[in-house]
Structure formats: structure tokens, C-alpha cells
Protein backbone atom coordinates (compact mmCIF):
# COMPACT_ATOMS: atom_id res chain seq x y z
CA GLY A 1 -31.22 159.47 -45.62
CA ARG A 2 -28.77 162.26 -45.10
CA ASN A 3 -28.42 164.95 -47.72
CA ARG A 4 -24.71 164.86 -48.71
CA ARG A 5 -23.11 167.60 -50.73
CA ARG A 6 -20.32 166.44 -53.01
CA ILE A 7 -17.38 168.86 -53.14
CA VAL A 8 -15.55 169.36 -56.42
CA SER A 9 -11.84 170.06 -56.09
CA THR A 10 -10.84 173.67 -56.54
CA VAL A 11 -7.15 172.82 -56.17
CA ASN A 12 -5.28 173.86 -59.32
CA ILE A 13 -2.37 171.48 -58.87
CA GLU A 14 -0.82 172.27 -62.26
CA GLY A 15 -0.84 175.98 -61.40
CA LEU A 16 0.72 175.21 -58.01
CA VAL A 17 3.42 173.05 -59.65
CA PHE A 18 4.39 175.70 -62.23
CA THR A 19 4.32 178.54 -59.68
CA TYR A 20 6.38 176.63 -57.14
CA LEU A 21 9.02 175.26 -59.52
CA ASN A 22 9.42 178.56 -61.39
CA SER A 23 9.86 180.39 -58.06
CA LEU A 24 12.96 178.28 -57.35
CA SER A 25 14.98 179.49 -60.34
CA LEU A 26 16.23 175.98 -61.10
CA GLY A 27 17.78 177.19 -64.36
CA ILE A 28 15.56 174.95 -66.47
CA ALA A 29 12.31 175.51 -68.39
CA ILE A 30 9.17 174.06 -66.78
CA THR A 31 6.58 173.28 -69.46
CA PRO A 32 3.44 171.19 -70.13
CA GLU A 33 4.76 170.16 -73.56
CA THR A 34 7.98 169.71 -75.50
CA PRO A 35 9.33 173.20 -76.25
CA ASP A 36 10.21 174.43 -79.73
CA ASN A 37 13.77 175.22 -78.58
CA GLN A 38 15.21 171.86 -77.55
CA THR A 39 18.81 173.02 -77.19
CA GLN A 40 18.21 173.90 -73.52
CA PRO A 41 17.15 171.42 -70.81
CA TRP A 42 13.50 171.29 -69.76
CA ILE A 43 11.08 169.59 -67.39
CA LYS A 44 7.82 168.43 -68.94
CA VAL A 45 4.91 168.23 -66.45
CA THR A 46 2.01 165.88 -67.23
CA MET A 47 -1.09 165.50 -65.06
CA LEU A 48 -2.03 161.80 -65.16
CA GLY A 49 -5.04 161.82 -62.86
CA THR A 50 -6.57 162.72 -59.53
CA ARG A 51 -8.62 161.02 -56.88
CA THR A 52 -9.89 161.62 -53.39
CA ALA A 53 -7.25 160.45 -50.93
CA GLY A 54 -8.09 158.36 -47.90
CA ASN A 55 -11.64 158.23 -46.63
CA GLN A 56 -14.27 158.60 -49.37
CA ASN A 57 -16.04 161.22 -47.26
CA ALA A 58 -12.94 163.41 -47.16
CA ASP A 59 -13.53 165.12 -50.51
CA TYR A 60 -11.29 167.97 -49.51
CA PHE A 61 -8.05 165.90 -49.60
CA HIS A 62 -6.82 165.00 -53.08
CA ASP A 63 -4.11 162.78 -54.54
CA PHE A 64 -2.77 164.19 -57.82
CA HIS A 65 -0.76 161.81 -60.01
CA VAL A 66 1.84 163.87 -61.90
CA GLN A 67 4.68 162.74 -64.17
CA PHE A 68 7.81 164.84 -64.50
CA ASP A 69 10.13 164.22 -67.48
CA VAL A 70 13.54 165.87 -67.11
CA TYR A 71 15.30 166.32 -70.46
CA ALA A 72 18.89 167.23 -71.22
CA GLY A 73 19.55 170.02 -73.68
CA THR A 74 22.42 168.01 -75.18
CA ASP A 75 21.87 165.13 -77.63
CA GLY A 76 23.04 161.60 -76.96
CA PRO A 77 24.80 160.09 -73.96
CA GLU A 78 26.73 163.32 -73.33
CA GLY A 79 23.52 164.79 -71.89
CA GLN A 80 23.20 162.27 -69.07
CA PRO A 81 25.03 164.29 -66.37
CA GLU A 82 22.95 167.36 -67.23
CA ALA A 83 19.63 165.49 -67.08
CA GLU A 84 20.65 163.68 -63.90
CA GLY A 85 21.63 166.93 -62.17
CA TYR A 86 18.30 168.60 -62.98
CA TYR A 87 16.43 165.42 -62.00
CA GLN A 88 18.09 165.52 -58.56
CA ASP A 89 17.31 169.24 -58.21
CA LEU A 90 13.66 168.53 -59.06
CA ARG A 91 13.44 165.63 -56.62
CA ASP A 92 14.98 167.75 -53.84
CA ALA A 93 12.56 170.62 -54.57
CA LEU A 94 9.51 168.34 -54.52
CA THR A 95 10.69 166.66 -51.30
CA ALA A 96 10.98 170.07 -49.58
CA TRP A 97 7.63 171.38 -50.84
CA PRO A 98 5.31 170.15 -48.03
CA GLU A 99 7.49 171.87 -45.41
CA LEU A 100 6.90 175.26 -47.07
CA ASP A 101 3.11 175.33 -46.51
CA GLN A 102 2.40 176.29 -50.12
CA GLY A 103 -0.62 174.12 -50.87
CA VAL A 104 0.93 170.65 -51.03
CA SER A 105 0.86 168.68 -47.78
CA ALA A 106 2.72 165.53 -48.91
CA VAL A 107 4.75 164.17 -51.84
CA ARG A 108 5.25 160.50 -52.69
CA PHE A 109 7.50 159.17 -55.45
CA THR A 110 6.25 155.92 -56.98
CA ASN A 111 8.61 155.40 -59.88
CA ALA A 112 11.84 156.95 -61.09
CA MET A 113 13.98 155.89 -64.01
CA ARG A 114 16.45 157.01 -66.62
CA LEU A 115 14.75 156.39 -69.93
CA PRO A 116 16.38 158.01 -72.98
CA ASP A 117 13.74 159.31 -75.40
CA PRO A 118 14.11 157.59 -78.81
CA ALA A 119 11.96 160.26 -80.50
CA PHE A 120 15.21 162.24 -80.73
CA LYS A 121 18.14 161.16 -82.90
CA PRO A 122 20.38 160.31 -81.12
CA SER A 123 18.18 159.48 -78.15
CA ARG A 124 17.81 162.39 -75.72
CA GLN A 125 18.66 161.71 -72.08
CA ARG A 126 15.53 161.81 -69.92
CA TYR A 127 14.72 161.02 -66.32
CA MET A 128 11.09 160.24 -65.50
CA LEU A 129 9.70 160.85 -62.03
CA ASP A 130 6.26 159.48 -61.25
CA THR A 131 4.84 161.47 -58.33
CA HIS A 132 1.75 161.76 -56.16
CA LEU A 133 1.11 165.24 -54.78
CA TYR A 134 -1.37 165.48 -51.91
CA ALA A 135 -3.25 168.73 -51.43
CA ARG A 136 -6.13 169.89 -49.30
CA GLN A 137 -8.90 171.98 -50.70
CA ALA A 138 -9.05 175.36 -48.98
CA VAL A 139 -11.73 175.61 -46.29
CA GLY A 140 -14.75 177.47 -47.58
CA SER A 141 -13.96 176.72 -51.25
């Protein structure tokens, strides 16, 4: 049989996400966890998984499943316009990303919803955006 070399992804999608979103100066904290200061809005980024996209032999093309939670900095229903505005800014930024040739070649949204977070009293306004980011491993990696 043929000797096949399995390629392990060297794409740091979380690093790409933080670098890209922070470069846009969206006016909101981008974080992997809930910040200590919750009086300002934030976007929580959670990596849910990764897999090879398309043909099994194409180990260089990866599908990264990432969840973005956009939180208002204001408690209760009053925070909805704030969370919704930042959610739309995030969605627009992710939609434009593949056109910028910065590591991500495609973006697909699979689920989006307004889901207030009951862990806060009163519930904090939150928009969840379930996303697949497609990235190619650099040639020669």
C-alpha cells in the first residue's frame, strides 16, 4: 500500500479570531471567558470542535466550529439594543473576513438566537452565534 503521511493542523483559529476581531476596534472586549468586569459589553469566544472539511484526504482544509456569545454591559431587558448592535457588528465582521485574505477562506453561520443568560440577575441580554470558520493550513507547514 501507499505510505500516507497524516498532517496535523497548524492553524491556530483562536489566535486568528482574537487577532482579527481586536484589529477592528469594535469597541467591545473579545475574551475566551466571562470577564471580571461585567459592566461593559463583551464577546465570549468558545471553540467547540474541528474537523477536516470535504475530502478526507484534504487534511490541509479545516472546519472550525466556534460559538460567539455577545453580552450587553447593561442588566435586564434594557441591554437588548446594545447586545443586538454588537451582535450585528460581529456578524458583519465575520462575513467580511474571507475577502480580506487573513487566514479564513469561508464563514458559515449555522445558528443565531437571542438567549438572555439567566446566570445574571436580572437575566443579561445575550446573542449567540454558532459559526463554522474554514481555514487552509499553510503550504509547507
